[in-house]
Each structure stands twice: as C-alpha cells, then as structure tokens.
Amino acid sequence: MTLLSAVELLAAASRDHCVSFCAGAVPLTFLGTAATLALVLFQRPIHWSVALQSLGAALLLVHVWAWFSVGVIMPPTFILLLLASFALLVASFAWLQPQSLSQFLRWLLRPILSRWLVLEP
C-alpha cells in the first residue's frame, strides 16, 4: 500500500463516516480549547490540554481537507475550518505566551470572576 492510497483510504473513510467523525472531533476540540483556556487562566500546566486540543483540531482539518478534495464547498466545511483554525491559534498562543493569555483572560473575565473568586492583579 502506497502513501497516496493510504491517504485516499483515510479521506474516503472520513467522508463515509462524516457524522460520527464530527461527533467525536468537534467536542474534542471544544473541550480541549475550554480546558486549555481554564488551565491558562488559573496558571496550571497545560501540556495535556494543548495536546488534546491540537489533536481535535488536526482531525477536523484532515476531515475538511477530505471534503475540499472532492469539491464540497458548503458552510459547514468553512465553520469546521474556522473552528479548527481558532483552536490551533489558541493552542499556539497558550503554548508560546501563557502569561499574556492569562492576563488577557483575567482582564476579559474580571467582571464575572470577581463575584466568585479573588483574582490577583
């Protein structure tokens, strides 16, 4: 089996099982992103959440590529592409600049979190 036939086989499986693929990859991406943002906000280690988030985003990108390769250009493919791109952007920013992201999240969520938590400046 050549690499090209393996890629074609994976793309065909992705298209044939689209609903189940999206039912797994979309929540994985959302949960990974939410976990990463929460861990960055509370200044905890983010290694596993970034890995989970990146895995979900990579799966979505491969899935969208499979649809683009056969010419399916529809709003759901672009929505999934934006979701995966945003998740990878957040993962990259959290990995490279966790302090900056934490400060931004604290600034953004200060009105909400100040009711329940005591946030340090």
Protein backbone atom coordinates (compact mmCIF):
# COMPACT_ATOMS: atom_id res chain seq x y z
CA MET A 1 0.00 0.00 0.00
CA THR A 2 1.48 3.30 -1.04
CA LEU A 3 1.21 6.50 0.93
CA LEU A 4 -1.15 8.01 -1.62
CA SER A 5 -3.56 5.07 -1.43
CA ALA A 6 -3.47 5.24 2.37
CA VAL A 7 -4.34 8.94 2.27
CA GLU A 8 -7.16 8.24 -0.21
CA LEU A 9 -8.47 5.47 2.06
CA LEU A 10 -8.45 7.78 5.10
CA ALA A 11 -10.18 10.54 3.13
CA ALA A 12 -12.87 8.14 1.92
CA ALA A 13 -13.44 6.85 5.46
CA SER A 14 -13.70 10.43 6.70
CA ARG A 15 -16.34 11.26 4.09
CA ASP A 16 -18.26 8.00 4.59
CA HIS A 17 -18.49 8.45 8.34
CA CYS A 18 -18.86 12.23 8.45
CA VAL A 19 -21.46 12.44 11.22
CA SER A 20 -19.61 10.12 13.58
CA PHE A 21 -16.29 11.79 12.75
CA CYS A 22 -17.66 15.24 13.53
CA ALA A 23 -19.49 13.90 16.61
CA GLY A 24 -16.09 12.98 18.03
CA ALA A 25 -13.76 15.67 16.71
CA VAL A 26 -15.91 18.75 17.38
CA PRO A 27 -16.50 18.06 21.11
CA LEU A 28 -12.86 17.03 21.47
CA THR A 29 -11.80 20.37 20.04
CA PHE A 30 -14.28 22.37 22.14
CA LEU A 31 -13.37 20.57 25.37
CA GLY A 32 -9.67 20.83 24.66
CA THR A 33 -9.95 24.55 23.98
CA ALA A 34 -12.06 25.17 27.08
CA ALA A 35 -9.66 23.13 29.23
CA THR A 36 -6.65 24.97 27.85
CA LEU A 37 -8.22 28.37 28.49
CA ALA A 38 -9.25 27.37 32.04
CA LEU A 39 -5.81 25.98 32.85
CA VAL A 40 -4.10 29.09 31.48
CA LEU A 41 -6.48 31.31 33.45
CA PHE A 42 -5.65 29.53 36.70
CA GLN A 43 -1.96 29.18 35.77
CA ARG A 44 -1.79 25.38 35.79
CA PRO A 45 0.24 23.09 33.49
CA ILE A 46 -1.29 23.00 30.01
CA HIS A 47 0.67 20.26 28.22
CA TRP A 48 -2.07 17.63 28.00
CA SER A 49 -4.88 20.03 27.21
CA VAL A 50 -2.89 21.62 24.38
CA ALA A 51 -2.16 18.15 23.01
CA LEU A 52 -5.86 17.19 23.21
CA GLN A 53 -6.92 20.45 21.61
CA SER A 54 -4.36 20.14 18.81
CA LEU A 55 -5.37 16.54 18.12
CA GLY A 56 -9.03 17.51 17.74
CA ALA A 57 -8.15 20.47 15.53
CA ALA A 58 -5.84 18.36 13.35
CA LEU A 59 -8.58 15.74 12.92
CA LEU A 60 -11.01 18.46 11.87
CA LEU A 61 -8.52 19.90 9.39
CA VAL A 62 -7.97 16.47 7.82
CA HIS A 63 -11.73 15.95 7.66
CA VAL A 64 -12.31 19.34 6.00
CA TRP A 65 -9.48 18.65 3.58
CA ALA A 66 -11.18 15.37 2.63
CA TRP A 67 -14.34 17.26 1.73
CA PHE A 68 -12.50 20.03 -0.11
CA SER A 69 -10.62 17.43 -2.16
CA VAL A 70 -13.88 16.19 -3.68
CA GLY A 71 -15.23 19.68 -4.27
CA VAL A 72 -17.70 20.04 -1.42
CA ILE A 73 -17.80 23.76 -0.67
CA MET A 74 -20.53 24.35 1.91
CA PRO A 75 -20.96 26.47 5.06
CA PRO A 76 -20.36 23.53 7.47
CA THR A 77 -16.93 22.89 5.96
CA PHE A 78 -15.95 26.52 6.45
CA ILE A 79 -17.36 26.53 10.00
CA LEU A 80 -15.29 23.46 10.85
CA LEU A 81 -12.25 25.04 9.22
CA LEU A 82 -12.70 28.19 11.34
CA LEU A 83 -13.20 26.12 14.49
CA ALA A 84 -10.04 24.11 13.87
CA SER A 85 -8.05 27.22 12.97
CA PHE A 86 -9.21 29.04 16.11
CA ALA A 87 -8.36 26.02 18.25
CA LEU A 88 -4.86 25.83 16.80
CA LEU A 89 -4.41 29.58 17.27
CA VAL A 90 -5.42 29.34 20.94
CA ALA A 91 -3.21 26.29 21.46
CA SER A 92 -0.23 28.04 19.89
CA PHE A 93 -0.76 31.22 21.88
CA ALA A 94 -1.25 29.27 25.12
CA TRP A 95 1.90 27.27 24.49
CA LEU A 96 4.09 30.20 23.47
CA GLN A 97 2.71 33.03 25.63
CA PRO A 98 0.75 31.59 28.58
CA GLN A 99 1.30 34.65 30.79
CA SER A 100 -0.03 37.05 28.16
CA LEU A 101 -3.06 34.87 27.51
CA SER A 102 -3.70 34.57 31.25
CA GLN A 103 -3.59 38.35 31.65
CA PHE A 104 -5.95 38.82 28.71
CA LEU A 105 -8.42 36.24 30.07
CA ARG A 106 -8.31 37.82 33.53
CA TRP A 107 -8.99 41.25 32.00
CA LEU A 108 -11.80 39.85 29.85
CA LEU A 109 -13.45 37.84 32.63
CA ARG A 110 -12.78 40.13 35.60
CA PRO A 111 -16.41 41.35 35.93
CA ILE A 112 -17.68 37.75 36.00
CA LEU A 113 -14.96 36.11 38.07
CA SER A 114 -14.73 38.87 40.69
CA ARG A 115 -18.09 37.77 42.07
CA TRP A 116 -16.83 34.27 42.95
CA LEU A 117 -13.06 34.41 43.07
CA VAL A 118 -10.40 36.68 44.42
CA LEU A 119 -8.16 37.37 41.44
CA GLU A 120 -4.66 38.64 41.87
CA PRO A 121 -3.74 41.56 39.58
